[in-house]
Protein backbone atom coordinates (compact mmCIF):
# COMPACT_ATOMS: atom_id res chain seq x y z
CA MET A 1 9.67 45.79 18.08
CA LYS A 2 7.51 43.34 16.15
CA GLN A 3 4.30 44.95 14.91
CA PRO A 4 0.94 43.14 15.28
CA LYS A 5 0.00 41.16 12.21
CA ALA A 6 -3.27 43.07 11.88
CA ILE A 7 -1.51 46.40 11.40
CA TRP A 8 0.82 45.07 8.73
CA LEU A 9 -2.05 43.35 6.98
CA GLY A 10 -4.02 46.59 6.96
CA VAL A 11 -1.16 48.75 5.74
CA GLY A 12 -0.27 46.26 3.02
CA LEU A 13 -3.82 46.13 1.76
CA VAL A 14 -4.09 49.91 1.78
CA LEU A 15 -1.03 50.10 -0.43
CA VAL A 16 -2.47 47.47 -2.76
CA PHE A 17 -5.81 49.25 -3.03
CA LEU A 18 -4.16 52.63 -3.47
CA SER A 19 -2.00 51.33 -6.28
CA LEU A 20 -5.13 50.07 -8.02
CA PHE A 21 -6.79 53.45 -7.81
CA ILE A 22 -3.87 55.62 -8.97
CA PHE A 23 -2.43 53.23 -11.56
CA ASN A 24 -3.12 54.59 -15.00
CA SER A 25 -3.89 51.79 -17.52
CA SER A 26 -6.56 50.94 -20.06
CA ASN A 27 -8.78 49.56 -17.28
CA VAL A 28 -8.14 51.85 -14.30
CA LEU A 29 -8.36 55.62 -14.29
CA LYS A 30 -6.46 58.00 -12.02
CA ALA A 31 -8.40 58.88 -8.91
CA ASP A 32 -8.26 61.84 -6.55
CA THR A 33 -5.95 60.41 -3.89
CA ALA A 34 -7.00 63.11 -1.43
CA GLU A 35 -10.48 61.58 -1.41
CA ILE A 36 -9.28 57.99 -1.49
CA TYR A 37 -6.79 58.08 1.43
CA PRO A 38 -9.36 58.59 4.24
CA GLN A 39 -11.59 55.84 2.86
CA LEU A 40 -8.70 53.41 2.57
CA GLU A 41 -7.72 54.24 6.13
CA LYS A 42 -11.22 53.30 7.27
CA PHE A 43 -10.98 50.12 5.20
CA SER A 44 -7.65 49.32 6.89
CA ASP A 45 -9.17 49.90 10.33
CA CYS A 46 -11.96 47.43 9.59
CA LEU A 47 -9.49 44.81 8.38
CA GLY A 48 -7.37 45.28 11.46
CA ILE A 49 -10.36 44.92 13.80
CA ILE A 50 -11.52 41.74 12.05
CA GLU A 51 -8.01 40.26 12.02
CA LYS A 52 -7.47 40.99 15.70
CA ASN A 53 -10.91 40.30 17.19
CA TYR A 54 -12.93 37.93 14.98
CA VAL A 55 -13.57 34.58 16.66
CA GLU A 56 -11.75 32.62 13.93
CA ASP A 57 -8.84 33.24 11.57
CA VAL A 58 -10.02 34.48 8.21
CA PRO A 59 -7.77 34.19 5.13
CA PRO A 60 -6.91 37.68 3.81
CA GLU A 61 -7.97 36.69 0.27
CA LYS A 62 -11.46 35.88 1.56
CA LEU A 63 -11.75 39.31 3.15
CA ILE A 64 -10.53 41.08 0.01
CA GLU A 65 -12.91 39.09 -2.21
CA GLY A 66 -15.77 39.99 0.10
CA ALA A 67 -14.77 43.64 -0.04
CA ILE A 68 -14.70 43.58 -3.85
CA LYS A 69 -18.14 41.93 -3.98
CA GLY A 70 -19.53 44.55 -1.62
CA MET A 71 -17.98 47.42 -3.57
CA ILE A 72 -19.52 46.28 -6.84
CA SER A 73 -22.88 45.38 -5.28
CA VAL A 74 -23.65 49.06 -4.59
CA LEU A 75 -23.38 50.01 -8.30
CA ASP A 76 -26.34 48.63 -10.29
CA PRO A 77 -28.13 45.26 -10.73
CA HIS A 78 -26.07 44.27 -13.77
CA SER A 79 -22.56 44.88 -12.46
CA ALA A 80 -21.05 41.92 -10.63
CA TYR A 81 -17.88 40.31 -9.40
CA LEU A 82 -17.31 36.93 -11.04
CA THR A 83 -15.17 34.32 -9.32
CA LYS A 84 -13.11 31.98 -11.50
CA GLU A 85 -16.02 29.53 -11.57
CA GLY A 86 -18.56 32.27 -12.18
CA TYR A 87 -16.52 33.69 -15.04
CA LYS A 88 -16.28 30.26 -16.69
CA GLU A 89 -20.05 29.75 -16.34
CA MET A 90 -20.71 33.15 -17.90
CA GLN A 91 -18.51 32.27 -20.88
CA ILE A 92 -20.33 28.94 -21.30
CA SER A 93 -23.79 30.57 -21.14
CA THR A 94 -23.12 32.87 -24.09
CA THR A 95 -22.43 29.85 -26.33
CA GLY A 96 -26.01 28.66 -25.74
CA SER A 97 -25.18 25.40 -23.95
CA PHE A 98 -25.03 25.13 -20.17
CA GLY A 99 -26.42 23.18 -17.22
CA GLY A 100 -29.27 24.58 -15.16
CA LEU A 101 -32.95 25.52 -15.15
CA GLY A 102 -33.27 28.25 -17.79
CA ILE A 103 -34.30 31.37 -15.89
CA GLU A 104 -33.09 34.95 -15.87
CA ILE A 105 -32.97 36.23 -12.28
CA GLY A 106 -32.34 39.53 -10.54
CA ILE A 107 -32.75 41.25 -7.17
CA ARG A 108 -36.04 43.09 -6.61
CA ASP A 109 -36.78 44.68 -3.21
CA ASP A 110 -33.82 42.70 -1.81
CA VAL A 111 -35.43 39.40 -2.89
CA LEU A 112 -34.16 36.98 -5.55
CA THR A 113 -36.76 37.31 -8.31
CA VAL A 114 -37.41 35.69 -11.68
CA ILE A 115 -37.17 38.23 -14.51
CA THR A 116 -38.23 35.72 -17.15
CA PRO A 117 -38.07 31.97 -17.78
CA ILE A 118 -36.52 31.09 -21.14
CA GLU A 119 -38.98 29.27 -23.35
CA GLY A 120 -38.28 25.57 -23.88
CA THR A 121 -36.26 25.12 -20.67
CA PRO A 122 -37.04 23.11 -17.49
CA ALA A 123 -38.06 26.23 -15.57
CA PHE A 124 -40.48 27.32 -18.30
CA ASP A 125 -42.00 23.82 -18.51
CA ALA A 126 -42.34 23.70 -14.70
CA GLY A 127 -44.52 26.81 -14.79
CA ILE A 128 -42.10 29.34 -13.31
CA LEU A 129 -43.38 32.86 -14.09
CA PRO A 130 -41.90 36.33 -14.35
CA GLY A 131 -42.07 38.03 -10.96
CA ASP A 132 -41.89 34.81 -8.93
CA LYS A 133 -39.78 35.36 -5.82
CA ILE A 134 -37.32 32.56 -5.02
CA VAL A 135 -37.18 32.61 -1.22
CA LYS A 136 -35.35 29.30 -0.73
CA ILE A 137 -33.13 26.98 -2.76
CA GLU A 138 -32.96 23.45 -1.36
CA GLY A 139 -34.24 24.82 1.94
CA VAL A 140 -31.54 27.51 2.12
CA SER A 141 -32.88 31.03 2.48
CA THR A 142 -31.93 33.39 -0.37
CA ALA A 143 -32.08 36.44 1.88
CA ASP A 144 -28.88 38.44 1.31
CA MET A 145 -27.70 35.79 -1.18
CA SER A 146 -25.70 37.13 -4.13
CA LEU A 147 -26.78 36.40 -7.69
CA GLU A 148 -23.62 34.38 -8.27
CA ASP A 149 -24.24 32.22 -5.20
CA ALA A 150 -27.84 31.68 -6.26
CA VAL A 151 -26.80 30.62 -9.76
CA LYS A 152 -24.26 28.23 -8.24
CA LEU A 153 -27.01 26.54 -6.20
CA LEU A 154 -29.47 26.43 -9.08
CA ARG A 155 -27.05 24.83 -11.53
CA GLY A 156 -25.91 21.21 -11.28
CA PRO A 157 -25.43 17.95 -13.15
CA LYS A 158 -27.90 16.98 -15.86
CA GLY A 159 -30.74 14.86 -14.45
CA SER A 160 -30.31 16.06 -10.87
CA GLN A 161 -33.15 17.88 -9.18
CA VAL A 162 -33.37 21.13 -7.28
CA THR A 163 -36.28 22.29 -5.14
CA ILE A 164 -36.99 26.00 -5.02
CA THR A 165 -39.51 27.70 -2.78
CA ILE A 166 -41.61 30.24 -4.66
CA LEU A 167 -43.54 33.19 -3.30
CA ARG A 168 -46.15 34.30 -5.84
CA GLU A 169 -48.51 37.25 -5.40
CA SER A 170 -51.56 35.19 -6.33
CA GLU A 171 -50.81 32.53 -3.70
CA LYS A 172 -51.43 32.88 0.04
CA SER A 173 -48.23 31.10 1.07
CA PRO A 174 -44.92 29.97 -0.45
CA PHE A 175 -44.85 26.64 -2.29
CA ASP A 176 -42.13 24.28 -3.48
CA VAL A 177 -41.34 23.48 -7.10
CA THR A 178 -38.96 20.64 -7.89
CA ILE A 179 -37.24 20.99 -11.26
CA THR A 180 -34.99 18.51 -13.03
CA ARG A 181 -31.83 20.16 -14.27
CA ALA A 182 -30.78 19.74 -17.88
CA VAL A 183 -27.86 20.59 -20.07
CA ILE A 184 -29.62 23.48 -21.71
CA HIS A 185 -28.89 24.15 -25.29
CA ILE A 186 -31.00 27.13 -26.13
CA GLN A 187 -32.09 26.97 -29.71
CA SER A 188 -31.76 30.66 -30.29
CA VAL A 189 -33.88 30.84 -33.44
CA LYS A 190 -37.15 29.09 -34.26
CA SER A 191 -38.85 29.67 -37.62
CA GLN A 192 -41.84 28.52 -39.63
CA MET A 193 -44.32 29.68 -42.25
CA LEU A 194 -47.70 30.74 -40.84
CA GLU A 195 -49.38 31.02 -44.23
CA PRO A 196 -48.03 31.11 -47.79
CA GLY A 197 -45.81 34.19 -47.95
CA PHE A 198 -46.05 35.03 -44.24
CA GLY A 199 -43.10 33.95 -42.12
CA TYR A 200 -42.54 33.72 -38.37
CA ILE A 201 -39.18 33.90 -36.60
CA LYS A 202 -38.83 33.69 -32.84
CA VAL A 203 -35.54 34.65 -31.20
CA ARG A 204 -35.16 33.29 -27.67
CA ASN A 205 -31.84 35.00 -26.90
CA PHE A 206 -28.86 36.56 -28.63
CA GLN A 207 -25.91 34.17 -28.66
CA VAL A 208 -22.93 33.62 -30.93
CA ASP A 209 -24.87 31.95 -33.77
CA THR A 210 -28.12 33.97 -33.71
CA THR A 211 -27.48 36.19 -36.74
CA GLU A 212 -26.40 33.26 -38.90
CA ASP A 213 -29.46 31.24 -37.89
CA ILE A 214 -31.84 34.12 -38.75
CA TYR A 215 -30.16 34.69 -42.10
CA ASN A 216 -30.44 30.98 -42.96
CA ALA A 217 -34.11 30.92 -41.92
CA LEU A 218 -34.90 33.88 -44.18
CA GLU A 219 -33.09 32.26 -47.09
CA GLU A 220 -35.13 29.07 -46.64
CA MET A 221 -38.42 30.99 -46.48
CA GLY A 222 -37.89 32.56 -49.87
CA PRO A 223 -39.83 35.66 -51.02
CA LEU A 224 -42.07 36.96 -48.26
CA LYS A 225 -45.21 39.07 -48.14
CA GLY A 226 -44.57 39.77 -44.47
CA LEU A 227 -42.63 38.60 -41.40
CA ILE A 228 -43.47 38.40 -37.71
CA PHE A 229 -40.32 38.74 -35.63
CA ASP A 230 -40.99 37.51 -32.09
CA LEU A 231 -38.78 38.88 -29.29
CA ARG A 232 -41.09 38.08 -26.38
CA TYR A 233 -39.44 36.49 -23.33
CA ASN A 234 -36.04 37.27 -24.85
CA PRO A 235 -33.73 38.37 -22.00
CA GLY A 236 -31.03 39.68 -24.34
CA GLY A 237 -27.46 38.50 -24.82
CA LEU A 238 -24.56 39.67 -26.96
CA LEU A 239 -24.49 43.29 -28.12
CA ASP A 240 -22.71 42.49 -31.39
CA GLN A 241 -25.41 39.97 -32.28
CA ALA A 242 -28.18 42.51 -31.62
CA ILE A 243 -26.44 44.94 -33.97
CA ALA A 244 -25.88 42.28 -36.66
CA VAL A 245 -29.48 41.08 -36.46
CA SER A 246 -30.78 44.64 -36.84
CA ASP A 247 -28.48 45.07 -39.83
CA ILE A 248 -30.15 42.11 -41.58
CA PHE A 249 -33.37 44.12 -41.87
CA LEU A 250 -31.90 47.59 -42.49
CA SER A 251 -30.00 48.82 -45.54
CA GLU A 252 -29.08 52.16 -43.99
CA GLY A 253 -29.49 54.29 -40.91
CA LYS A 254 -28.37 54.20 -37.34
CA ILE A 255 -28.90 51.02 -35.30
CA VAL A 256 -27.82 52.09 -31.81
CA TYR A 257 -25.25 54.28 -30.13
CA THR A 258 -23.60 53.98 -26.74
CA ASP A 259 -22.39 56.71 -24.42
CA GLY A 260 -20.07 56.15 -21.47
CA ARG A 261 -17.36 57.93 -19.51
CA ASN A 262 -14.49 56.60 -21.62
CA PRO A 263 -13.91 57.32 -25.32
CA GLU A 264 -13.97 53.62 -26.22
CA ASP A 265 -17.48 53.36 -24.75
CA LYS A 266 -18.84 56.10 -27.05
CA THR A 267 -19.70 54.24 -30.26
CA GLU A 268 -22.26 54.57 -33.05
CA TYR A 269 -23.37 51.57 -35.09
CA THR A 270 -24.95 51.97 -38.53
CA ALA A 271 -26.56 49.57 -40.97
CA GLN A 272 -24.85 48.29 -44.11
CA ALA A 273 -26.76 47.61 -47.32
CA GLU A 274 -25.03 44.32 -48.11
CA GLY A 275 -27.09 41.20 -47.29
CA SER A 276 -30.17 43.07 -46.12
CA PHE A 277 -33.78 41.84 -46.27
CA THR A 278 -35.84 44.98 -46.74
CA ASP A 279 -38.51 44.12 -49.31
CA PHE A 280 -41.30 42.95 -47.00
CA PRO A 281 -43.20 44.50 -44.06
CA MET A 282 -42.46 43.38 -40.50
CA VAL A 283 -44.22 43.16 -37.16
CA VAL A 284 -42.04 42.85 -34.05
CA LEU A 285 -43.65 41.30 -30.97
CA ILE A 286 -42.41 42.37 -27.52
CA ASN A 287 -43.49 42.00 -23.90
CA GLY A 288 -42.17 42.63 -20.40
CA GLY A 289 -39.72 39.76 -20.84
CA SER A 290 -38.04 41.45 -23.81
CA ALA A 291 -34.85 43.00 -22.52
CA SER A 292 -31.46 44.43 -23.42
CA ALA A 293 -30.37 43.14 -26.85
CA ALA A 294 -34.02 42.43 -27.72
CA GLU A 295 -34.79 46.09 -27.00
CA ILE A 296 -31.89 47.26 -29.16
CA VAL A 297 -33.32 45.37 -32.14
CA SER A 298 -36.93 46.42 -31.60
CA GLY A 299 -35.87 50.04 -31.01
CA ALA A 300 -33.73 50.10 -34.16
CA LEU A 301 -36.49 48.67 -36.36
CA GLN A 302 -39.09 50.94 -34.80
CA ASP A 303 -37.10 54.18 -35.10
CA ASN A 304 -36.09 53.42 -38.69
CA LYS A 305 -39.75 52.82 -39.60
CA ARG A 306 -38.82 49.30 -40.71
CA ALA A 307 -41.33 47.47 -38.51
CA LEU A 308 -44.43 47.94 -36.40
CA VAL A 309 -43.81 47.01 -32.77
CA VAL A 310 -46.79 45.20 -31.23
CA GLY A 311 -47.41 43.94 -27.69
CA VAL A 312 -46.78 45.54 -24.30
CA LYS A 313 -43.96 47.67 -22.94
CA SER A 314 -40.56 45.93 -22.80
CA PHE A 315 -38.35 45.38 -19.74
CA GLY A 316 -36.32 48.59 -19.93
CA LYS A 317 -32.62 47.70 -19.70
CA ALA A 318 -30.59 50.19 -21.71
CA SER A 319 -27.14 49.68 -20.24
CA VAL A 320 -24.03 48.02 -21.65
CA GLN A 321 -21.82 45.69 -19.66
CA THR A 322 -18.26 44.66 -20.38
CA ILE A 323 -16.14 41.93 -18.83
CA ARG A 324 -12.80 42.96 -17.36
CA PRO A 325 -10.73 39.83 -16.52
CA LEU A 326 -8.53 39.95 -13.42
CA ASN A 327 -5.10 38.36 -13.02
CA ASP A 328 -6.28 35.39 -10.94
CA GLY A 329 -8.91 34.21 -13.47
CA SER A 330 -11.82 36.03 -11.89
CA ALA A 331 -13.47 39.01 -13.58
CA ILE A 332 -15.62 42.09 -13.12
CA LYS A 333 -18.79 42.52 -15.15
CA LEU A 334 -19.18 46.28 -15.20
CA THR A 335 -21.79 48.63 -16.60
CA VAL A 336 -19.75 51.02 -18.75
CA ALA A 337 -22.30 52.80 -20.92
CA ARG A 338 -25.92 53.52 -21.65
CA TYR A 339 -27.31 52.83 -25.08
CA TYR A 340 -29.73 54.96 -27.07
CA THR A 341 -32.07 54.08 -29.92
CA PRO A 342 -31.46 55.75 -33.32
CA SER A 343 -33.77 58.66 -32.50
CA GLY A 344 -31.88 59.35 -29.27
CA ARG A 345 -34.28 57.68 -26.87
CA SER A 346 -32.96 56.25 -23.63
CA ILE A 347 -35.32 53.46 -22.70
CA GLN A 348 -33.51 52.73 -19.40
CA ALA A 349 -36.12 51.82 -16.75
CA THR A 350 -38.90 52.91 -19.14
CA GLY A 351 -38.81 50.29 -21.93
CA ILE A 352 -39.82 50.27 -25.57
CA GLU A 353 -43.38 51.50 -26.06
CA PRO A 354 -45.14 49.42 -28.73
CA ASP A 355 -46.66 51.18 -31.72
CA ILE A 356 -49.80 49.14 -31.13
CA TRP A 357 -50.52 48.02 -27.58
CA VAL A 358 -51.94 44.50 -27.49
CA ASP A 359 -52.29 43.46 -23.87
CA GLU A 360 -51.38 39.96 -22.81
CA LYS A 361 -50.56 39.66 -19.14
CA VAL A 362 -48.71 36.72 -17.69
CA PRO A 363 -51.21 33.94 -16.78
CA VAL A 364 -50.98 32.70 -13.23
CA LYS A 365 -53.91 30.33 -12.82
CA ASP A 366 -56.38 28.50 -14.99
CA ASP A 367 -59.12 30.65 -13.46
CA GLY A 368 -57.86 33.64 -15.46
CA THR A 369 -55.98 35.43 -12.68
CA THR A 370 -53.15 37.50 -14.17
CA ARG A 371 -50.24 39.64 -13.04
CA ASP A 372 -47.82 42.10 -14.59
CA PHE A 373 -44.20 41.53 -15.60
CA ILE A 374 -41.23 42.51 -13.46
CA ARG A 375 -39.18 45.17 -15.25
CA GLU A 376 -35.84 46.93 -14.94
CA LYS A 377 -37.39 49.77 -12.91
CA ASP A 378 -38.34 47.21 -10.24
CA LEU A 379 -34.75 46.02 -9.71
CA LYS A 380 -32.73 47.27 -6.77
CA ASP A 381 -30.26 50.08 -7.60
CA HIS A 382 -31.31 50.21 -11.26
CA LEU A 383 -29.97 53.05 -13.37
CA GLU A 384 -32.48 55.83 -13.75
CA PRO A 385 -33.54 57.21 -17.14
CA VAL A 386 -31.12 59.97 -18.75
CA GLU A 387 -47.93 23.07 -17.53
CA GLN A 388 -48.28 22.99 -21.33
CA GLU A 389 -50.94 21.05 -23.20
CA LYS A 390 -49.76 17.86 -24.86
CA ARG A 391 -51.41 16.88 -28.10
CA GLU A 392 -50.84 14.52 -30.95
CA PRO A 393 -48.99 16.13 -33.86
CA GLY A 394 -51.22 16.98 -36.78
CA SER A 395 -50.70 18.71 -40.09
CA VAL A 396 -48.60 21.86 -40.38
CA GLU A 397 -51.79 23.85 -41.00
CA ASP A 398 -53.45 22.40 -37.89
CA SER A 399 -50.33 23.22 -35.89
CA VAL A 400 -50.35 26.83 -37.06
CA ASN A 401 -54.09 27.22 -36.38
CA GLU A 402 -53.57 25.85 -32.86
CA LEU A 403 -50.70 28.28 -32.33
CA LEU A 404 -52.72 31.27 -33.52
CA LYS A 405 -55.67 30.21 -31.39
CA LYS A 406 -53.53 30.28 -28.23
CA ASP A 407 -51.47 33.36 -29.03
CA TYR A 408 -53.57 36.48 -29.54
CA GLN A 409 -50.62 38.79 -30.05
CA LEU A 410 -49.23 36.56 -32.79
CA LYS A 411 -52.62 36.37 -34.50
CA TYR A 412 -52.99 40.13 -34.29
CA GLY A 413 -49.56 40.57 -35.87
CA LEU A 414 -50.45 38.24 -38.74
CA ASP A 415 -53.74 40.04 -39.33
CA LEU A 416 -51.82 43.33 -39.48
CA LEU A 417 -49.45 41.99 -42.12
CA LYS A 418 -52.32 40.62 -44.22
CA SER A 419 -54.13 43.96 -43.96
CA TRP A 420 -50.91 45.68 -44.97
CA GLU A 421 -50.79 43.57 -48.13
CA VAL A 422 -54.44 44.28 -48.96
CA PHE A 423 -53.99 48.06 -48.58
CA SER A 424 -50.75 47.96 -50.60
CA GLN A 425 -52.53 46.18 -53.45
CA ALA A 426 -55.41 48.66 -53.26
CA ARG A 427 -52.97 51.60 -53.51
CA LYS A 428 -51.32 50.05 -56.55
CA ALA A 429 -54.71 49.55 -58.21
CA ALA A 430 -55.63 53.17 -57.55
């Protein structure tokens, strides 16, 4: 007798899923089949009911993809299923050139929320702030929308516009912001001299060329009396770049170590003496928009007593993700380890505490109203701890003075370095 299609579909999918769980390879570990069988049977029942009773035919691949998305969505905010298109976009974004608005987003209290806008991008210039809730994209509600689907709606051709509806704590009702998309090439590193002998390097994110750009900037600056290393509003990026950047400023000592369930995820990274810049004092600036790779660098420099960390507490993401490609061109971004600073601190959901707290909340209005940053601890299912003024260009000195006038944390950092030099000279004289 011919069996109903739903039953065969269910049994076939159970066998497929079971083979994935018990297959022993570099990516999949053996599972306790006694625990898996009942759950797969329930999964098969659901598939059969949908196949038999749903009002329309649904392709099996759509159901399986939905099941995978749901399975990964219950893990943590940084694990995700990437479709073929999503995987390609992720690969493009790490090169520093991609189309879109320039914001880091996450899910907070089941609402799509801005973690931080990236400086110099359309979103930043449009006044988008950390903590803004995106409740609609082009009139489409973001309720229950996945991060991948949201990114897909936010990105588009250069020059096209997208309207997002923002809910901000300081406003009584949601309001629309229309932003013109751009092909965003994030200039990872920005550098300049603040005063003779005192350098300034800002790192916006950690991408494939970040370490090289920092090294070149330091070479061009020449001998320094002090350096301000700005990691504010830096959402992170590539782990290997964070390690290499830390290594530039350290001649020895531990940089970071990771600890996961698998042996390959338990790794310790140490500094090498070759090519290091260690003969000047440093101040590292952080804020609530400093996350992930930015926290690895600030934690390494802080624990090794290489730099003073100044600002406010960082975001607090101390987990490591890896990409596991799937056979059809899609991929899984999976949290595989936690990372720890050299002294053994886990800053997951707690953040890097600055050595010197210099408060600078995120401005919301011209009337002085302020609000706090959104941080890792505010994201759903997080891992627990174990408009800019336009002015005519003037001289370099005028430009620096204007910058210091607007940026109290930066000015404080420079004053610290200058004081450092004065006290060092006084000690030598004594």
